[in-house]
C-alpha atoms as a PDB file:
ATOM      1  CA  MET A   1      75.757 142.044 138.503  1.00  0.00           C
ATOM      2  CA  LYS A   2      76.147 145.454 140.103  1.00  0.00           C
ATOM      3  CA  SER A   3      77.776 145.710 143.505  1.00  0.00           C
ATOM      4  CA  ASP A   4      76.359 147.920 146.248  1.00  0.00           C
ATOM      5  CA  LYS A   5      79.862 148.711 147.508  1.00  0.00           C
ATOM      6  CA  PRO A   6      81.555 151.764 146.028  1.00  0.00           C
ATOM      7  CA  PHE A   7      84.861 151.178 144.264  1.00  0.00           C
ATOM      8  CA  ARG A   8      87.595 152.353 146.597  1.00  0.00           C
ATOM      9  CA  THR A   9      91.336 152.276 146.259  1.00  0.00           C
ATOM     10  CA  ASP A  10      93.708 153.392 148.987  1.00  0.00           C
ATOM     11  CA  LEU A  11      95.872 155.665 146.818  1.00  0.00           C
ATOM     12  CA  LEU A  12      98.254 156.438 149.686  1.00  0.00           C
ATOM     13  CA  ALA A  13      98.900 152.728 150.288  1.00  0.00           C
ATOM     14  CA  ALA A  14      99.415 152.221 146.561  1.00  0.00           C
ATOM     15  CA  ALA A  15     101.920 155.086 146.401  1.00  0.00           C
ATOM     16  CA  THR A  16     103.877 154.009 149.492  1.00  0.00           C
ATOM     17  CA  GLY A  17     103.857 150.272 148.905  1.00  0.00           C
ATOM     18  CA  GLY A  18     101.493 149.727 151.832  1.00  0.00           C
ATOM     19  CA  ARG A  19     103.697 151.487 154.413  1.00  0.00           C
ATOM     20  CA  GLU A  20     101.109 154.233 154.919  1.00  0.00           C
ATOM     21  CA  ARG A  21      97.310 154.149 154.801  1.00  0.00           C
ATOM     22  CA  TRP A  22      94.635 156.704 153.862  1.00  0.00           C
ATOM     23  CA  ASP A  23      93.188 156.736 157.402  1.00  0.00           C
ATOM     24  CA  ASP A  24      96.488 156.835 159.333  1.00  0.00           C
ATOM     25  CA  PRO A  25      96.723 159.375 162.182  1.00  0.00           C
ATOM     26  CA  GLY A  26      98.228 162.614 160.897  1.00  0.00           C
ATOM     27  CA  ALA A  27      97.097 162.083 157.311  1.00  0.00           C
ATOM     28  CA  ASP A  28      94.817 165.126 157.612  1.00  0.00           C
ATOM     29  CA  ALA A  29      97.703 167.489 158.436  1.00  0.00           C
ATOM     30  CA  LEU A  30      97.769 170.385 155.991  1.00  0.00           C
ATOM     31  CA  GLU A  31     100.765 171.113 153.777  1.00  0.00           C
ATOM     32  CA  THR A  32     103.041 168.389 155.164  1.00  0.00           C
ATOM     33  CA  GLY A  33     104.780 165.399 153.647  1.00  0.00           C
ATOM     34  CA  TRP A  34     106.512 167.210 150.799  1.00  0.00           C
ATOM     35  CA  GLU A  35     109.695 168.113 152.686  1.00  0.00           C
ATOM     36  CA  GLU A  36     111.707 165.041 151.628  1.00  0.00           C
ATOM     37  CA  PHE A  37     111.298 165.887 147.926  1.00  0.00           C
ATOM     38  CA  ALA A  38     114.147 168.353 147.425  1.00  0.00           C
ATOM     39  CA  VAL A  39     115.095 169.841 144.061  1.00  0.00           C
ATOM     40  CA  GLY A  40     116.896 167.181 142.027  1.00  0.00           C
ATOM     41  CA  THR A  41     115.172 164.210 143.704  1.00  0.00           C
ATOM     42  CA  ARG A  42     114.177 161.413 141.316  1.00  0.00           C
ATOM     43  CA  VAL A  43     110.486 160.645 141.739  1.00  0.00           C
ATOM     44  CA  GLU A  44     107.447 159.133 140.104  1.00  0.00           C
ATOM     45  CA  VAL A  45     104.371 161.332 139.883  1.00  0.00           C
ATOM     46  CA  ARG A  46     100.780 160.214 139.342  1.00  0.00           C
ATOM     47  CA  CYS A  47      99.512 162.158 136.325  1.00  0.00           C
ATOM     48  CA  ALA A  48      95.984 162.996 135.220  1.00  0.00           C
ATOM     49  CA  ASP A  49      95.734 159.755 133.263  1.00  0.00           C
ATOM     50  CA  LEU A  50      96.521 157.838 136.514  1.00  0.00           C
ATOM     51  CA  VAL A  51      99.851 156.643 135.149  1.00  0.00           C
ATOM     52  CA  TRP A  52     103.012 156.909 137.252  1.00  0.00           C
ATOM     53  CA  ARG A  53     105.617 158.874 135.289  1.00  0.00           C
ATOM     54  CA  PRO A  54     109.295 159.145 136.310  1.00  0.00           C
ATOM     55  CA  GLY A  55     110.922 162.535 136.533  1.00  0.00           C
ATOM     56  CA  THR A  56     112.980 164.984 138.573  1.00  0.00           C
ATOM     57  CA  VAL A  57     111.781 167.579 141.079  1.00  0.00           C
ATOM     58  CA  VAL A  58     112.568 171.058 139.694  1.00  0.00           C
ATOM     59  CA  GLU A  59     110.644 173.225 142.197  1.00  0.00           C
ATOM     60  CA  THR A  60     109.346 172.809 145.743  1.00  0.00           C
ATOM     61  CA  PRO A  61     107.216 175.102 147.912  1.00  0.00           C
ATOM     62  CA  HIS A  62     110.496 176.791 148.889  1.00  0.00           C
ATOM     63  CA  GLU A  63     110.703 178.135 145.320  1.00  0.00           C
ATOM     64  CA  ASN A  64     107.068 178.747 144.357  1.00  0.00           C
ATOM     65  CA  ASP A  65     105.005 178.631 147.614  1.00  0.00           C
ATOM     66  CA  ARG A  66     102.281 176.329 146.278  1.00  0.00           C
ATOM     67  CA  ALA A  67     103.449 173.099 144.666  1.00  0.00           C
ATOM     68  CA  ILE A  68     106.059 170.517 143.857  1.00  0.00           C
ATOM     69  CA  VAL A  69     106.881 170.742 140.145  1.00  0.00           C
ATOM     70  CA  VAL A  70     108.295 167.678 138.415  1.00  0.00           C
ATOM     71  CA  GLU A  71     109.889 167.545 134.976  1.00  0.00           C
ATOM     72  CA  CYS A  72     108.928 164.114 133.649  1.00  0.00           C
ATOM     73  CA  ASP A  73     111.355 162.115 131.539  1.00  0.00           C
ATOM     74  CA  GLU A  74     108.955 161.948 128.588  1.00  0.00           C
ATOM     75  CA  ARG A  75     106.496 164.420 127.094  1.00  0.00           C
ATOM     76  CA  TYR A  76     102.917 163.430 127.922  1.00  0.00           C
ATOM     77  CA  HIS A  77     100.731 166.517 127.425  1.00  0.00           C
ATOM     78  CA  ASP A  78     100.259 169.301 124.870  1.00  0.00           C
ATOM     79  CA  ASP A  79     101.004 172.364 127.038  1.00  0.00           C
ATOM     80  CA  LEU A  80     104.416 173.106 125.569  1.00  0.00           C
ATOM     81  CA  THR A  81     104.807 176.190 127.772  1.00  0.00           C
ATOM     82  CA  PHE A  82     104.949 173.942 130.864  1.00  0.00           C
ATOM     83  CA  LEU A  83     108.387 172.316 130.684  1.00  0.00           C
ATOM     84  CA  ASN A  84     107.891 171.508 126.992  1.00  0.00           C
ATOM     85  CA  GLY A  85     104.985 169.148 127.687  1.00  0.00           C
ATOM     86  CA  ARG A  86     106.832 167.287 130.435  1.00  0.00           C
ATOM     87  CA  GLY A  87     105.675 169.209 133.515  1.00  0.00           C
ATOM     88  CA  ALA A  88     103.603 167.785 136.364  1.00  0.00           C
ATOM     89  CA  THR A  89     102.428 169.556 139.513  1.00  0.00           C
ATOM     90  CA  ILE A  90     101.546 168.220 142.960  1.00  0.00           C
ATOM     91  CA  MET A  91      99.688 170.931 144.849  1.00  0.00           C
ATOM     92  CA  VAL A  92     100.919 171.467 148.413  1.00  0.00           C
ATOM     93  CA  TYR A  93      99.003 174.643 149.229  1.00  0.00           C
ATOM     94  CA  MET A  94      95.844 173.702 151.169  1.00  0.00           C
ATOM     95  CA  ASN A  95      96.430 169.999 150.497  1.00  0.00           C
ATOM     96  CA  THR A  96      96.765 167.275 153.141  1.00  0.00           C
ATOM     97  CA  TYR A  97      99.603 164.859 153.778  1.00  0.00           C
ATOM     98  CA  ARG A  98      97.584 162.045 152.188  1.00  0.00           C
ATOM     99  CA  GLY A  99      96.745 164.160 149.136  1.00  0.00           C
ATOM    100  CA  ILE A 100     100.373 165.035 148.536  1.00  0.00           C
ATOM    101  CA  ARG A 101     101.937 161.651 149.268  1.00  0.00           C
ATOM    102  CA  SER A 102      99.384 159.685 147.253  1.00  0.00           C
ATOM    103  CA  ASN A 103     100.544 161.485 144.092  1.00  0.00           C
ATOM    104  CA  ILE A 104     104.345 161.385 144.390  1.00  0.00           C
ATOM    105  CA  ARG A 105     106.894 158.800 145.446  1.00  0.00           C
ATOM    106  CA  LYS A 106     110.674 158.508 145.406  1.00  0.00           C
ATOM    107  CA  ILE A 107     112.380 156.259 142.901  1.00  0.00           C
ATOM    108  CA  ASP A 108     114.886 153.888 144.457  1.00  0.00           C
ATOM    109  CA  THR A 109     118.183 154.579 142.744  1.00  0.00           C
END
C-alpha cells in the first residue's frame, strides 16, 4: 500500500542526536556551523552512500575558502588523487548551517 506522505528524515536531528532540528531558528544562516571543526578534529562525515565514516579534518575554510575536507580512516572511493581514496568534502561555501551540520559530527573521544 502506497503512502501519500513523502518520506522525510530530519538529517540534522540524526547528525546531532536530536539536539538540533531541521527547522530550528538560525538553520538558514549561510556559511555557519563549521567553526568548531578545526584541523585535527576527529569527526564522522556522511558520505555519498549515506554511511557515516570516521576521519580527521585536514582542511577548513581557513585553508581552502570553500569546504571542510576530511581524511577518512578507510578508503571508500576510487579517486586516488583525493587523499588516496579516503577524502570527503563538506561544502561550506553557499551552504546553510543545516546543510553543513547534517553531514558532519564530532566523535566523542
